[in-house]
C-alpha cells in the first residue's frame, strides 16, 4: 500500500525548463519540459493552470489538452508524439 501512495502527487509547477512534482511521500520529481512539447510551448499562465486528477495519480492542463500520469513521470516517459 505504501507504494500506491508514493505514486500520488500533491502539487506541480513549471519553471522555464522543468516540470516539478511533489509526491505525497515528500519526494520531489523534476523532469525537463522538453519532454512535453505542449507544456514547453505554453505560456507561463497556461502552465500554471493545472489540476490533479485521479486523486493525485495524474496532472491535467485542460487548456493544453495535456494529461500526465505520475507513474509515467517516475518511469521517465516523455510525451508520445
C-alpha atoms as a PDB file:
ATOM      1  CA  UNK A   1       0.000   0.000   0.000  1.00  0.00           C
ATOM      2  CA  UNK A   2       2.882   2.417   0.647  1.00  0.00           C
ATOM      3  CA  UNK A   3       3.969   2.175  -2.992  1.00  0.00           C
ATOM      4  CA  UNK A   4       0.467   3.184  -4.071  1.00  0.00           C
ATOM      5  CA  UNK A   5       0.602   6.369  -2.008  1.00  0.00           C
ATOM      6  CA  UNK A   6       4.121   7.169  -3.227  1.00  0.00           C
ATOM      7  CA  UNK A   7       2.825   7.451  -6.772  1.00  0.00           C
ATOM      8  CA  UNK A   8       0.408  10.279  -5.970  1.00  0.00           C
ATOM      9  CA  UNK A   9       1.175  13.950  -6.463  1.00  0.00           C
ATOM     10  CA  UNK A  10       0.266  16.746  -4.079  1.00  0.00           C
ATOM     11  CA  UNK A  11       1.378  19.660  -6.265  1.00  0.00           C
ATOM     12  CA  UNK A  12       3.024  20.592  -9.529  1.00  0.00           C
ATOM     13  CA  UNK A  13       4.650  23.642 -11.049  1.00  0.00           C
ATOM     14  CA  UNK A  14       6.521  24.509 -14.196  1.00  0.00           C
ATOM     15  CA  UNK A  15       9.656  26.583 -14.390  1.00  0.00           C
ATOM     16  CA  UNK A  16      11.014  27.782 -17.725  1.00  0.00           C
ATOM     17  CA  UNK A  17      12.849  24.450 -18.084  1.00  0.00           C
ATOM     18  CA  UNK A  18      11.270  21.849 -15.789  1.00  0.00           C
ATOM     19  CA  UNK A  19       8.085  20.285 -14.535  1.00  0.00           C
ATOM     20  CA  UNK A  20       8.423  19.876 -10.762  1.00  0.00           C
ATOM     21  CA  UNK A  21       6.031  17.487  -8.994  1.00  0.00           C
ATOM     22  CA  UNK A  22       5.834  16.953  -5.232  1.00  0.00           C
ATOM     23  CA  UNK A  23       4.747  13.441  -4.242  1.00  0.00           C
ATOM     24  CA  UNK A  24       2.656  12.551  -1.225  1.00  0.00           C
ATOM     25  CA  UNK A  25       5.627  10.828   0.426  1.00  0.00           C
ATOM     26  CA  UNK A  26       7.662  14.054   0.331  1.00  0.00           C
ATOM     27  CA  UNK A  27       9.833  13.316  -2.696  1.00  0.00           C
ATOM     28  CA  UNK A  28      10.191  15.948  -5.401  1.00  0.00           C
ATOM     29  CA  UNK A  29      10.425  14.866  -9.007  1.00  0.00           C
ATOM     30  CA  UNK A  30      11.657  17.178 -11.745  1.00  0.00           C
ATOM     31  CA  UNK A  31      11.643  16.408 -15.444  1.00  0.00           C
ATOM     32  CA  UNK A  32      12.633  18.543 -18.444  1.00  0.00           C
ATOM     33  CA  UNK A  33       9.824  20.476 -20.126  1.00  0.00           C
ATOM     34  CA  UNK A  34      11.448  19.480 -23.415  1.00  0.00           C
ATOM     35  CA  UNK A  35       9.828  16.058 -22.866  1.00  0.00           C
ATOM     36  CA  UNK A  36       6.396  17.667 -23.144  1.00  0.00           C
ATOM     37  CA  UNK A  37       6.101  19.895 -26.228  1.00  0.00           C
ATOM     38  CA  UNK A  38       2.666  21.238 -25.251  1.00  0.00           C
ATOM     39  CA  UNK A  39       3.994  22.449 -21.917  1.00  0.00           C
ATOM     40  CA  UNK A  40       7.224  23.729 -23.428  1.00  0.00           C
ATOM     41  CA  UNK A  41       5.326  25.841 -25.960  1.00  0.00           C
ATOM     42  CA  UNK A  42       2.772  27.119 -23.443  1.00  0.00           C
ATOM     43  CA  UNK A  43       2.740  30.469 -21.717  1.00  0.00           C
ATOM     44  CA  UNK A  44       3.570  30.661 -18.008  1.00  0.00           C
ATOM     45  CA  UNK A  45      -0.139  31.309 -17.304  1.00  0.00           C
ATOM     46  CA  UNK A  46      -1.148  28.203 -19.284  1.00  0.00           C
ATOM     47  CA  UNK A  47       1.441  26.107 -17.462  1.00  0.00           C
ATOM     48  CA  UNK A  48       0.147  27.344 -14.107  1.00  0.00           C
ATOM     49  CA  UNK A  49      -3.441  26.312 -14.944  1.00  0.00           C
ATOM     50  CA  UNK A  50      -3.303  22.636 -13.913  1.00  0.00           C
ATOM     51  CA  UNK A  51      -5.258  20.352 -11.611  1.00  0.00           C
ATOM     52  CA  UNK A  52      -4.637  16.966 -10.043  1.00  0.00           C
ATOM     53  CA  UNK A  53      -6.723  14.114 -11.436  1.00  0.00           C
ATOM     54  CA  UNK A  54      -7.399  10.629 -10.109  1.00  0.00           C
ATOM     55  CA  UNK A  55      -6.716  11.621  -6.517  1.00  0.00           C
ATOM     56  CA  UNK A  56      -3.205  12.742  -7.454  1.00  0.00           C
ATOM     57  CA  UNK A  57      -2.383   9.927  -9.886  1.00  0.00           C
ATOM     58  CA  UNK A  58      -2.129  12.433 -12.715  1.00  0.00           C
ATOM     59  CA  UNK A  59      -1.919  16.090 -13.660  1.00  0.00           C
ATOM     60  CA  UNK A  60      -4.175  17.793 -16.220  1.00  0.00           C
ATOM     61  CA  UNK A  61      -3.757  21.007 -18.167  1.00  0.00           C
ATOM     62  CA  UNK A  62      -7.243  21.328 -19.700  1.00  0.00           C
ATOM     63  CA  UNK A  63      -6.483  24.319 -21.936  1.00  0.00           C
ATOM     64  CA  UNK A  64      -3.462  22.499 -23.377  1.00  0.00           C
ATOM     65  CA  UNK A  65      -5.199  19.103 -23.614  1.00  0.00           C
ATOM     66  CA  UNK A  66      -2.255  17.597 -21.702  1.00  0.00           C
ATOM     67  CA  UNK A  67      -2.576  14.791 -19.156  1.00  0.00           C
ATOM     68  CA  UNK A  68       0.452  13.261 -17.436  1.00  0.00           C
ATOM     69  CA  UNK A  69       0.494  10.322 -15.054  1.00  0.00           C
ATOM     70  CA  UNK A  70       2.758  10.314 -12.032  1.00  0.00           C
ATOM     71  CA  UNK A  71       3.696   6.706 -12.790  1.00  0.00           C
ATOM     72  CA  UNK A  72       4.794   7.708 -16.291  1.00  0.00           C
ATOM     73  CA  UNK A  73       6.887  10.535 -14.884  1.00  0.00           C
ATOM     74  CA  UNK A  74       8.509   8.134 -12.410  1.00  0.00           C
ATOM     75  CA  UNK A  75       9.296   5.735 -15.278  1.00  0.00           C
ATOM     76  CA  UNK A  76      10.927   8.579 -17.210  1.00  0.00           C
ATOM     77  CA  UNK A  77       8.453   8.506 -20.084  1.00  0.00           C
ATOM     78  CA  UNK A  78       8.377  11.626 -22.278  1.00  0.00           C
ATOM     79  CA  UNK A  79       5.161  12.597 -24.080  1.00  0.00           C
ATOM     80  CA  UNK A  80       4.203  10.494 -27.068  1.00  0.00           C
ATOM     81  CA  UNK A  81       4.475  12.470 -30.273  1.00  0.00           C
END
